[in-house]
Each structure stands twice: as structure tokens, then as C-alpha cells.
Amino acid sequence: MATELKASIKGLDKLAKKLARLKRPVTRSEADSIGQSAVATMKEMISKGLSPISGPDIRQRFAPYKWASAKKSERSGKYPWSKMKQYPGKKVTPVNLKLSGGQLDDLAYEVKELAGGGTGVEIGYDDEQAIKQESGHREGVNGQASRPTIPVPKNGERFATKVEQAYLRILNAAIKKIIDS
């Protein structure tokens, strides 16, 4: 995964402490399930025009295209109308960051062994084109609104509640399984 476009799943202090008290780290299988669930939820949200992250200056629904409210004569040749012949599935709403589908296809996770033991999950893009697209969506290039998909914790960003719920269910099930056994 590219260093500048990754997000480790954070906000798990409470569950991590429970697992530590139980003397058991997250297993590779649980981490794999967390990654699958988080990425699937992120893709589902993005396809509906919803941001998979929350934080300061992050809108729940992606901002409309720059020319969406312009008169038909003013938006001729402007994005996304300029791409609709080449990509017939492209719509004006929702703003779902899908043109060819390449960037969303490249959104992936990687299971990693942690230095202190246990396993973690890293979510991001490894394809150079997808990294550039994410950077453009984060910065809001060409006068477009910012629409990032990977949280940057130092900016006060985190995964949206729906993404967090997807992986917290898996961790809670793991804790329950340990307690019940």
C-alpha cells in the first residue's frame, strides 16, 4: 500500500483492551474478515455517493459536481457531461467517484503482522493511477469539491460510523466467542 494513502483501522481502544485482558490478539482470519467487510462497506457507500470517512470539513454526501446547477448551455463539454458518451453509465447524481471503475476496483486491504504481536489491517490504494485519483479527490483539483475516501487521522478524520460498525461486529463476535468458551 502507498504510504500516503493508507488508513489503519483506529478507534478500537475499548475492544483492544478487552482482547488484551483476554490475552488474545486479533487473529489473521479475523483481520481478513475486518478488511473484507470494511472495504465492501466503503465501496457500497461510495457507489451511493456517501463518504466512507467522517471528520472536520467532510460532508456525509459527496458534494455535487461543479457544473451541476449550471444551465445546459453553460455545462456543455464540462465534466461529467463530457464523459457520458465514453462512459454511458456515468450519471450526474449521485456523485459516486465512478467513471471507469478502476479506482474503486483498486480500493483494497492488506493484513499485516504488528510489531507487538497480533494482526492489523491496512486499507488503501496501491495502483499509481488510483493514488493520483484519490489525491485529486482529496485536494479537489480543477475547482471540484474535495471528496476523499481514505481517512487521515492527523486531520481528525476517521472511518464513517457504518464502516466502523462493519468491523466492530467482527471484533465483538471474536470477544464473545472467547468469553463464551
Protein backbone atom coordinates (compact mmCIF):
# COMPACT_ATOMS: atom_id res chain seq x y z
CA MET A 1 0.00 0.00 0.00
CA ALA A 2 1.19 3.51 -0.69
CA THR A 3 2.39 5.27 2.43
CA GLU A 4 0.48 8.49 1.87
CA LEU A 5 -2.79 6.75 1.06
CA LYS A 6 -3.38 4.27 3.80
CA ALA A 7 -5.51 4.22 6.88
CA SER A 8 -5.09 1.77 9.70
CA ILE A 9 -8.34 0.97 11.44
CA LYS A 10 -8.34 3.07 14.60
CA GLY A 11 -10.83 3.73 17.38
CA LEU A 12 -10.64 0.21 18.68
CA ASP A 13 -9.12 1.02 22.08
CA LYS A 14 -12.01 -0.38 24.08
CA LEU A 15 -12.07 -3.67 22.17
CA ALA A 16 -8.28 -3.89 22.07
CA LYS A 17 -8.21 -3.58 25.87
CA LYS A 18 -10.80 -6.35 26.16
CA LEU A 19 -8.74 -8.58 23.89
CA ALA A 20 -5.58 -7.74 25.85
CA ARG A 21 -7.30 -8.70 29.11
CA LEU A 22 -8.31 -11.95 27.44
CA LYS A 23 -4.66 -12.41 26.42
CA ARG A 24 -5.51 -12.88 22.77
CA PRO A 25 -4.66 -10.62 19.81
CA VAL A 26 -6.74 -10.33 16.67
CA THR A 27 -6.17 -13.42 14.52
CA ARG A 28 -5.20 -13.33 10.86
CA SER A 29 -8.62 -14.72 9.94
CA GLU A 30 -10.42 -12.00 11.96
CA ALA A 31 -8.21 -9.30 10.42
CA ASP A 32 -9.00 -10.69 6.95
CA SER A 33 -12.74 -10.55 7.73
CA ILE A 34 -12.37 -6.99 9.04
CA GLY A 35 -10.59 -5.92 5.85
CA GLN A 36 -13.15 -7.56 3.58
CA SER A 37 -16.06 -6.07 5.48
CA ALA A 38 -14.59 -2.55 5.71
CA VAL A 39 -13.65 -2.36 2.02
CA ALA A 40 -17.02 -3.80 0.89
CA THR A 41 -18.85 -1.25 3.06
CA MET A 42 -16.67 1.59 1.75
CA LYS A 43 -17.34 0.62 -1.88
CA GLU A 44 -21.08 0.36 -1.19
CA MET A 45 -21.13 3.80 0.41
CA ILE A 46 -19.06 5.45 -2.34
CA SER A 47 -21.28 3.92 -5.04
CA LYS A 48 -24.26 5.64 -3.36
CA GLY A 49 -22.47 9.00 -3.21
CA LEU A 50 -21.74 8.75 0.54
CA SER A 51 -18.35 9.46 2.07
CA PRO A 52 -16.78 6.45 3.85
CA ILE A 53 -14.98 8.83 6.21
CA SER A 54 -16.01 11.47 8.71
CA GLY A 55 -14.24 14.41 10.27
CA PRO A 56 -13.82 18.16 10.01
CA ASP A 57 -14.80 19.52 6.59
CA ILE A 58 -16.02 16.08 5.41
CA ARG A 59 -19.54 16.01 4.02
CA GLN A 60 -21.65 12.89 4.57
CA ARG A 61 -22.81 13.03 0.94
CA PHE A 62 -20.23 13.89 -1.70
CA ALA A 63 -20.59 17.47 -2.93
CA PRO A 64 -22.33 17.89 -6.31
CA TYR A 65 -20.32 18.36 -9.49
CA LYS A 66 -19.15 21.91 -10.10
CA TRP A 67 -21.42 22.47 -13.10
CA ALA A 68 -24.46 20.52 -11.83
CA SER A 69 -26.58 23.63 -11.26
CA ALA A 70 -25.46 25.46 -14.40
CA LYS A 71 -27.71 25.97 -17.40
CA LYS A 72 -27.47 23.28 -20.05
CA SER A 73 -25.71 25.66 -22.46
CA GLU A 74 -23.07 26.57 -19.81
CA ARG A 75 -22.20 22.99 -18.87
CA SER A 76 -21.69 21.69 -22.40
CA GLY A 77 -18.31 19.97 -22.56
CA LYS A 78 -17.89 20.10 -18.76
CA TYR A 79 -17.40 17.09 -16.52
CA PRO A 80 -19.30 14.76 -16.08
CA TRP A 81 -21.28 15.51 -19.27
CA SER A 82 -18.07 15.42 -21.31
CA LYS A 83 -17.55 11.76 -20.34
CA MET A 84 -21.07 10.41 -20.73
CA LYS A 85 -20.62 9.20 -24.33
CA GLN A 86 -17.38 7.37 -23.46
CA TYR A 87 -18.84 6.03 -20.18
CA PRO A 88 -22.60 5.60 -20.72
CA GLY A 89 -23.16 4.56 -17.09
CA LYS A 90 -21.87 7.89 -15.75
CA LYS A 91 -24.61 9.86 -14.03
CA VAL A 92 -24.75 13.37 -12.59
CA THR A 93 -26.12 12.06 -9.29
CA PRO A 94 -25.13 10.51 -7.05
CA VAL A 95 -21.54 11.75 -7.16
CA ASN A 96 -20.07 8.27 -6.75
CA LEU A 97 -16.48 8.75 -7.97
CA LYS A 98 -17.05 6.08 -10.60
CA LEU A 99 -16.07 6.71 -14.16
CA SER A 100 -14.36 3.58 -15.46
CA GLY A 101 -14.49 1.84 -12.07
CA GLY A 102 -10.72 1.46 -11.89
CA GLN A 103 -10.18 3.48 -8.73
CA LEU A 104 -12.88 1.69 -6.75
CA ASP A 105 -11.65 -1.67 -8.04
CA ASP A 106 -8.21 -0.82 -6.62
CA LEU A 107 -9.52 0.01 -3.12
CA ALA A 108 -8.16 -2.90 -1.12
CA TYR A 109 -6.88 -4.05 2.25
CA GLU A 110 -3.78 -5.81 3.43
CA VAL A 111 -3.42 -7.92 6.57
CA LYS A 112 -0.21 -7.09 8.42
CA GLU A 113 1.61 -8.57 11.38
CA LEU A 114 2.04 -5.96 14.12
CA ALA A 115 5.39 -5.41 15.83
CA GLY A 116 3.97 -6.04 19.31
CA GLY A 117 2.18 -9.21 18.22
CA GLY A 118 -1.20 -9.70 16.69
CA THR A 119 -2.51 -8.66 13.34
CA GLY A 120 -3.71 -5.41 11.80
CA VAL A 121 -5.44 -4.23 8.65
CA GLU A 122 -4.32 -1.51 6.26
CA ILE A 123 -6.77 -0.05 3.75
CA GLY A 124 -5.75 1.98 0.73
CA TYR A 125 -4.71 2.00 -2.93
CA ASP A 126 -1.54 0.52 -4.47
CA ASP A 127 -2.08 1.41 -8.12
CA GLU A 128 -0.35 4.69 -9.07
CA GLN A 129 -3.34 5.92 -11.09
CA ALA A 130 -5.75 5.23 -8.20
CA ILE A 131 -3.37 7.00 -5.80
CA LYS A 132 -3.36 10.07 -8.08
CA GLN A 133 -7.15 9.96 -8.32
CA GLU A 134 -7.52 9.76 -4.52
CA SER A 135 -5.09 12.65 -4.16
CA GLY A 136 -7.13 14.67 -6.66
CA HIS A 137 -10.36 13.84 -4.83
CA ARG A 138 -8.77 14.83 -1.51
CA GLU A 139 -7.41 18.13 -2.83
CA GLY A 140 -10.39 18.96 -5.02
CA VAL A 141 -8.43 19.60 -8.23
CA ASN A 142 -9.82 21.54 -11.23
CA GLY A 143 -12.13 23.53 -8.99
CA GLN A 144 -14.07 20.49 -7.84
CA ALA A 145 -15.09 19.92 -4.23
CA SER A 146 -12.93 17.71 -2.02
CA ARG A 147 -14.18 14.10 -1.90
CA PRO A 148 -11.55 11.97 -0.10
CA THR A 149 -12.11 8.26 0.57
CA ILE A 150 -9.23 7.36 2.91
CA PRO A 151 -9.20 8.97 6.37
CA VAL A 152 -6.13 10.83 7.60
CA PRO A 153 -6.20 10.55 11.43
CA LYS A 154 -3.85 13.52 11.96
CA ASN A 155 -6.51 15.66 10.20
CA GLY A 156 -9.14 14.45 12.68
CA GLU A 157 -10.65 12.04 10.13
CA ARG A 158 -11.83 8.50 10.77
CA PHE A 159 -13.97 5.91 9.07
CA ALA A 160 -17.68 6.71 8.90
CA THR A 161 -19.87 5.04 11.52
CA LYS A 162 -21.20 2.49 9.02
CA VAL A 163 -17.65 1.32 8.17
CA GLU A 164 -16.71 1.19 11.87
CA GLN A 165 -19.82 -0.84 12.63
CA ALA A 166 -18.87 -3.34 9.93
CA TYR A 167 -15.58 -4.23 11.58
CA LEU A 168 -16.69 -3.76 15.20
CA ARG A 169 -19.28 -6.52 14.69
CA ILE A 170 -16.45 -8.91 13.80
CA LEU A 171 -14.36 -7.89 16.82
CA ASN A 172 -17.32 -8.10 19.19
CA ALA A 173 -18.10 -11.60 17.89
CA ALA A 174 -14.47 -12.62 18.49
CA ILE A 175 -14.61 -11.32 22.07
CA LYS A 176 -17.94 -13.03 22.71
CA LYS A 177 -16.56 -16.30 21.34
CA ILE A 178 -13.59 -16.12 23.74
CA ILE A 179 -15.75 -15.23 26.74
CA ASP A 180 -18.29 -17.97 25.96
CA SER A 181 -15.67 -20.70 25.52
